[in-house]
Structure formats: C-alpha cells, structure tokens
Amino acid sequence: MWNGKTVSVILMTYAERASIRRTIEGFFATGVVDEVLVVNNNAEPGTTEEVAATPARQVFEPRQGYGWASRRGLREASGDLLVLAEPDGTFLPADIVKLLAYSDDCDAVFGTRTTRELIWSGANMGAFLKWGNWAVAKVVEALFNTSHLSDVGCTYKLLSRPLAERLNPELKIGGSQFGPELMLRTITSGARFVEVPVNYLPRVGQSAVTGDLRKTIVLGCQMVGLILAYRLATLGRNRKPPPPMPPVDQQAQGAAAVVPGTGEATL
C-alpha cells in the first residue's frame, strides 16, 4: 500500500526459474507491495513450482513474447498502481519506492538503467547498450518534445490503473519492442510522466535477447523504425496533459470557498 493505493508488481517470466522466487520475496519484503502477479510466458520447467512456494499469483500467457506477457499482466493485476519489473535479478525491489514517490504527481514513472553510478559491476550494460539506449531515448525526446529521457529499454516502470486501462486496448506489439510502444503511447496520451534512475545488477542466467549482440542490434533497429513510424502517424495530434490534482488539503479548503462578491462560504 502506498498513500492509500494498492500496489501490484507484474513479473513476466520465460527463463528466470533460478531467480524468480528471490525476486518475489524481495518485493513483498519492501512492505509496500500488496500483490505480485507472475505472467508465465511458456516458462522453463520448474518455474511454476518456484512461484507456488511464494504468495504470488500466477497466470499463463500462451502467446510467446515480452509484449504479450506485459499486456496480460496489465489486464490481470488488481492494484491501483501497477509496476512492471523483471524477475531475473537485474532490478532491486527496494527501488520500487523511487517510482512510487512520484506516483502522486505522475500517471507514469519510467526507470532508467543508464546512470553510471547505479550500474553494478558485471551488469549487462556495456558501452554499446548504454549509449544505444541513450541515443534512441534522445530521438524520442527530440521528436516528441518530451521531458528528459535516457533509456527506452528499461522494464522497471509504474503506471496508474486509469492510464493502464486507457492504453491497454491501444497496444499492438507482442514482441520485444513493446517497451518503446508503451512509452510512446504514454507520451502521446498526454499523461504526466517522469524518469528516475534505478540500480542495474548482473542478470541471473542468460538473456534471450540482449545476451546476443546480433539480436540486440536487430532489436535496436526495430525500435528506431517503430519510433519514426509512430511519429509520422501522430503528426499534428494535440497533446495536452490533464491539469494536476490539487493536494487533499486544498480540495478540502475548496469545499468551503468564498463566493466572490458575497463574503459567504459555499458548502
């Protein structure tokens, strides 16, 4: 629970049997997580048993792909605040507080793994991945005239339930380019968002995508193509953020505001 709102963590799993139980336990240990939802995306044998040994809830998504699993998780999670993360040991569960800290002011909070001081020794964030993510993020920042962005590939992010429910029917991608699509649709929806640095740790096991340089290059090119195509498709679309909600104490004061010219308070 965070400021009266329930918190769900969504973990998409395929090849994380060796690390998923520790990740689940780590999120519950923060004291702010009400639900951990595991989306089993045709995961390796033994994963179901690891999840069953924890309080997490598990659903199964047969359509293979990061995007399909993420979209299923956004539909199935029950919390007011939905946090996407990885069960491979690369993220610190304690960093969820950084995302939650901005949830009162923003509809979405994106993590970034490109802060040098927070990249742990042995993490899969060499110069190519770091500066590649940074460069593509700057393309998004320039093309869409957004707030500061420095990472398009970070799974660790938070969405409010109203935003997730609004965006989910519009999401189309089922593969690894889902992350940039979610970011772009958040930007063009007019939602308030901010990016915060998170710790990035060595992965337990081998990544099916970023562990292979050729696949990483292909994915990067696909992301750039997606961003350019999306920019062309949304040219001329007005993007106006909704006004921020006033603090609770101001709302209470507004309930007894004075009517101009009368000196009388309204109720």
Protein backbone atom coordinates (compact mmCIF):
# COMPACT_ATOMS: atom_id res chain seq x y z
CA MET A 1 0.00 0.00 0.00
CA TRP A 2 1.25 3.47 -0.90
CA ASN A 3 -0.63 6.56 0.31
CA GLY A 4 -3.88 4.64 0.39
CA LYS A 5 -3.38 2.98 -3.00
CA THR A 6 -2.76 -0.73 -3.52
CA VAL A 7 0.42 -1.71 -5.36
CA SER A 8 0.78 -4.61 -7.81
CA VAL A 9 4.11 -5.80 -9.20
CA ILE A 10 3.97 -7.61 -12.55
CA LEU A 11 6.76 -10.06 -13.40
CA MET A 12 6.91 -11.60 -16.88
CA THR A 13 8.87 -14.85 -16.90
CA TYR A 14 10.34 -17.15 -19.52
CA ALA A 15 13.83 -18.20 -18.38
CA GLU A 16 14.11 -16.98 -14.77
CA ARG A 17 13.47 -20.12 -12.72
CA ALA A 18 16.69 -19.64 -10.73
CA SER A 19 15.90 -16.08 -9.61
CA ILE A 20 12.13 -15.61 -9.60
CA ARG A 21 11.43 -16.77 -6.04
CA ARG A 22 14.05 -14.43 -4.56
CA THR A 23 12.67 -11.56 -6.64
CA ILE A 24 9.11 -12.16 -5.46
CA GLU A 25 10.21 -12.38 -1.84
CA GLY A 26 12.23 -9.19 -2.27
CA PHE A 27 9.23 -7.22 -3.46
CA PHE A 28 7.00 -8.42 -0.64
CA ALA A 29 9.78 -7.61 1.84
CA THR A 30 9.59 -3.92 0.89
CA GLY A 31 6.34 -3.66 2.84
CA VAL A 32 4.60 -1.57 0.16
CA VAL A 33 3.61 -4.32 -2.30
CA ASP A 34 0.11 -5.81 -1.99
CA GLU A 35 0.27 -8.20 -4.94
CA VAL A 36 2.93 -9.83 -7.09
CA LEU A 37 1.48 -11.14 -10.34
CA VAL A 38 3.63 -13.57 -12.32
CA VAL A 39 2.84 -13.94 -16.01
CA ASN A 40 4.16 -17.35 -17.03
CA ASN A 41 5.05 -16.97 -20.71
CA ASN A 42 5.80 -20.63 -21.52
CA ALA A 43 8.47 -20.54 -18.82
CA GLU A 44 11.14 -23.18 -18.32
CA PRO A 45 10.27 -26.28 -16.26
CA GLY A 46 10.32 -25.71 -12.53
CA THR A 47 9.22 -22.07 -12.70
CA THR A 48 5.63 -22.82 -11.68
CA GLU A 49 6.84 -24.67 -8.59
CA GLU A 50 9.13 -21.79 -7.61
CA VAL A 51 6.24 -19.33 -7.85
CA ALA A 52 3.89 -21.66 -5.96
CA ALA A 53 6.25 -21.52 -2.97
CA THR A 54 5.54 -17.79 -2.61
CA PRO A 55 2.40 -15.66 -2.02
CA ALA A 56 2.50 -14.52 -5.66
CA ARG A 57 -0.41 -15.10 -8.04
CA GLN A 58 0.37 -16.76 -11.38
CA VAL A 59 -1.37 -16.51 -14.73
CA PHE A 60 -0.38 -18.14 -18.02
CA GLU A 61 0.05 -16.33 -21.33
CA PRO A 62 0.49 -18.82 -24.21
CA ARG A 63 1.34 -16.21 -26.87
CA GLN A 64 5.11 -16.01 -26.77
CA GLY A 65 6.64 -12.56 -26.34
CA TYR A 66 7.55 -9.82 -23.92
CA GLY A 67 4.72 -7.64 -25.15
CA TRP A 68 2.04 -10.30 -24.90
CA ALA A 69 3.10 -11.14 -21.34
CA SER A 70 3.28 -7.49 -20.28
CA ARG A 71 -0.13 -6.67 -21.72
CA ARG A 72 -1.65 -9.69 -20.00
CA GLY A 73 -0.15 -8.55 -16.72
CA LEU A 74 -1.53 -5.04 -17.08
CA ARG A 75 -5.00 -6.53 -17.63
CA GLU A 76 -4.85 -9.04 -14.79
CA ALA A 77 -3.18 -7.07 -11.98
CA SER A 78 -5.59 -5.76 -9.35
CA GLY A 79 -3.69 -2.81 -7.82
CA ASP A 80 -4.27 0.91 -8.11
CA LEU A 81 -0.59 1.32 -9.05
CA LEU A 82 0.92 -1.18 -11.49
CA VAL A 83 4.68 -1.77 -11.55
CA LEU A 84 6.35 -3.74 -14.34
CA ALA A 85 9.66 -5.38 -13.44
CA GLU A 86 11.95 -8.28 -14.33
CA PRO A 87 12.36 -11.48 -12.26
CA ASP A 88 15.96 -12.05 -13.42
CA GLY A 89 17.74 -10.28 -10.57
CA THR A 90 18.67 -7.17 -12.57
CA PHE A 91 16.48 -4.80 -10.54
CA LEU A 92 16.43 -4.04 -6.82
CA PRO A 93 12.94 -4.49 -5.33
CA ALA A 94 13.75 -1.63 -2.92
CA ASP A 95 13.93 0.76 -5.89
CA ILE A 96 10.15 0.50 -6.20
CA VAL A 97 9.97 3.30 -3.63
CA LYS A 98 11.65 5.65 -6.13
CA LEU A 99 8.84 5.01 -8.61
CA LEU A 100 6.11 5.23 -6.01
CA ALA A 101 7.45 8.56 -4.71
CA TYR A 102 6.35 10.23 -7.96
CA SER A 103 3.04 8.38 -8.32
CA ASP A 104 1.09 11.16 -6.59
CA ASP A 105 2.22 13.67 -9.22
CA CYS A 106 2.55 11.50 -12.32
CA ASP A 107 0.49 8.93 -14.20
CA ALA A 108 3.63 7.04 -15.25
CA VAL A 109 7.17 6.71 -13.90
CA PHE A 110 9.88 5.24 -16.14
CA GLY A 111 13.07 3.74 -14.75
CA THR A 112 16.42 4.35 -16.41
CA ARG A 113 19.40 1.98 -16.21
CA THR A 114 21.92 4.35 -17.79
CA THR A 115 23.11 6.22 -14.69
CA ARG A 116 26.77 5.22 -14.40
CA GLU A 117 26.90 5.22 -10.60
CA LEU A 118 23.98 2.78 -10.37
CA ILE A 119 25.26 0.24 -12.93
CA TRP A 120 26.72 -2.61 -10.88
CA SER A 121 29.90 -4.44 -11.82
CA GLY A 122 29.03 -7.35 -14.10
CA ALA A 123 25.69 -5.90 -15.24
CA ASN A 124 24.88 -6.29 -18.93
CA MET A 125 25.17 -2.58 -19.67
CA GLY A 126 28.31 -2.12 -21.72
CA ALA A 127 29.04 0.95 -23.80
CA PHE A 128 27.02 -0.28 -26.79
CA LEU A 129 23.85 -0.97 -24.81
CA LYS A 130 24.16 2.09 -22.59
CA TRP A 131 24.77 4.65 -25.32
CA GLY A 132 22.46 2.90 -27.75
CA ASN A 133 19.57 3.16 -25.28
CA TRP A 134 20.53 6.76 -24.51
CA ALA A 135 20.69 7.73 -28.19
CA VAL A 136 17.32 6.19 -29.04
CA ALA A 137 15.79 7.85 -25.96
CA LYS A 138 17.10 11.21 -27.15
CA VAL A 139 15.49 10.60 -30.55
CA VAL A 140 12.17 10.14 -28.74
CA GLU A 141 12.81 13.21 -26.59
CA ALA A 142 13.53 15.36 -29.66
CA LEU A 143 10.80 14.03 -31.96
CA PHE A 144 8.07 14.22 -29.34
CA ASN A 145 9.39 17.26 -27.40
CA THR A 146 9.18 15.40 -24.10
CA SER A 147 10.65 15.62 -20.64
CA HIS A 148 14.13 14.14 -20.06
CA LEU A 149 14.56 10.54 -21.28
CA SER A 150 17.69 8.39 -21.26
CA ASP A 151 16.54 4.75 -21.62
CA VAL A 152 13.95 3.15 -23.92
CA GLY A 153 14.56 -0.44 -22.84
CA CYS A 154 14.01 -0.38 -19.08
CA THR A 155 11.19 -2.68 -17.96
CA TYR A 156 11.04 -1.17 -14.45
CA LYS A 157 8.18 1.31 -14.70
CA LEU A 158 4.97 2.33 -12.97
CA LEU A 159 1.56 3.11 -14.44
CA SER A 160 -1.57 4.24 -12.66
CA ARG A 161 -4.55 1.95 -13.17
CA PRO A 162 -6.57 4.58 -15.10
CA LEU A 163 -3.69 5.09 -17.53
CA ALA A 164 -3.11 1.35 -17.97
CA GLU A 165 -6.80 0.77 -18.65
CA ARG A 166 -6.81 3.60 -21.18
CA LEU A 167 -3.68 2.44 -23.02
CA ASN A 168 -4.06 -1.34 -22.99
CA PRO A 169 -6.69 -1.55 -25.76
CA GLU A 170 -4.40 0.57 -27.99
CA LEU A 171 -1.29 -1.58 -27.51
CA LYS A 172 -0.45 -3.75 -30.52
CA ILE A 173 3.05 -5.18 -30.12
CA GLY A 174 3.58 -8.63 -28.68
CA GLY A 175 7.37 -8.83 -29.00
CA SER A 176 10.44 -7.18 -27.55
CA GLN A 177 9.63 -3.72 -28.97
CA PHE A 178 6.72 -3.42 -26.55
CA GLY A 179 8.66 -1.18 -24.15
CA PRO A 180 9.08 1.70 -26.60
CA GLU A 181 5.46 1.32 -27.74
CA LEU A 182 4.20 1.69 -24.18
CA MET A 183 6.45 4.72 -23.70
CA LEU A 184 5.28 6.37 -26.93
CA ARG A 185 1.61 5.80 -26.23
CA THR A 186 2.07 7.20 -22.73
CA ILE A 187 3.72 10.31 -24.17
CA THR A 188 1.08 10.92 -26.84
CA SER A 189 -1.78 10.26 -24.42
CA GLY A 190 -0.98 13.49 -22.59
CA ALA A 191 -0.24 11.61 -19.36
CA ARG A 192 2.14 13.17 -16.86
CA PHE A 193 5.36 11.16 -16.62
CA VAL A 194 8.88 11.35 -15.24
CA GLU A 195 12.04 9.24 -15.47
CA VAL A 196 14.04 8.16 -12.41
CA PRO A 197 17.38 6.29 -12.14
CA VAL A 198 17.31 2.73 -10.83
CA ASN A 199 20.03 0.25 -9.93
CA TYR A 200 21.00 -2.25 -12.60
CA LEU A 201 22.53 -5.54 -11.44
CA PRO A 202 24.06 -8.60 -13.12
CA ARG A 203 21.43 -10.93 -14.55
CA VAL A 204 20.94 -14.44 -13.20
CA GLY A 205 21.31 -16.59 -16.33
CA GLN A 206 21.44 -15.55 -19.98
CA SER A 207 19.06 -13.08 -21.63
CA ALA A 208 17.30 -14.42 -24.72
CA VAL A 209 17.74 -11.04 -26.47
CA THR A 210 20.39 -8.70 -25.04
CA GLY A 211 22.74 -11.60 -24.38
CA ASP A 212 23.26 -11.85 -28.16
CA LEU A 213 24.87 -8.84 -29.87
CA ARG A 214 23.28 -9.57 -33.25
CA LYS A 215 19.81 -9.81 -31.72
CA THR A 216 20.47 -6.61 -29.77
CA ILE A 217 21.38 -4.70 -32.96
CA VAL A 218 18.31 -6.02 -34.78
CA LEU A 219 16.08 -5.05 -31.85
CA GLY A 220 17.60 -1.56 -31.73
CA CYS A 221 16.89 -1.04 -35.44
CA GLN A 222 13.32 -2.26 -34.97
CA MET A 223 12.85 0.20 -32.11
CA VAL A 224 14.12 3.11 -34.19
CA GLY A 225 11.80 2.11 -37.04
CA LEU A 226 8.86 1.92 -34.64
CA ILE A 227 9.61 5.37 -33.21
CA LEU A 228 9.90 7.02 -36.63
CA ALA A 229 6.72 5.36 -37.91
CA TYR A 230 4.82 6.34 -34.76
CA ARG A 231 5.99 9.94 -35.05
CA LEU A 232 4.72 10.14 -38.64
CA ALA A 233 1.41 8.58 -37.64
CA THR A 234 0.86 11.10 -34.81
CA LEU A 235 2.00 14.31 -36.52
CA GLY A 236 -0.41 17.13 -35.79
CA ARG A 237 -2.05 15.32 -32.89
CA ASN A 238 -2.66 17.68 -30.00
CA ARG A 239 -1.11 16.52 -26.73
CA LYS A 240 -2.30 18.44 -23.71
CA PRO A 241 -1.71 16.99 -20.25
CA PRO A 242 -4.66 16.99 -17.84
CA PRO A 243 -4.38 19.54 -15.01
CA PRO A 244 -2.73 18.16 -11.86
CA MET A 245 -4.98 17.22 -8.97
CA PRO A 246 -4.73 19.69 -6.07
CA PRO A 247 -3.47 18.34 -2.73
CA VAL A 248 -6.10 16.88 -0.43
CA ASP A 249 -5.93 19.83 1.97
CA GLN A 250 -6.56 22.26 -0.89
CA GLN A 251 -9.54 20.19 -2.02
CA ALA A 252 -10.97 20.42 1.48
CA GLN A 253 -10.45 24.18 1.51
CA GLY A 254 -12.13 24.44 -1.87
CA ALA A 255 -15.24 22.82 -0.45
CA ALA A 256 -15.69 25.89 1.75
CA ALA A 257 -14.57 28.51 -0.76
CA VAL A 258 -15.95 32.02 -0.52
CA VAL A 259 -18.28 33.10 -3.32
CA PRO A 260 -16.80 36.26 -4.93
CA GLY A 261 -18.72 39.41 -4.03
CA THR A 262 -20.83 37.79 -1.33
CA GLY A 263 -18.49 37.07 1.53
CA GLU A 264 -20.39 33.79 2.01
CA ALA A 265 -18.81 30.39 2.02
CA THR A 266 -20.07 27.65 -0.26
CA LEU A 267 -20.54 24.13 1.11
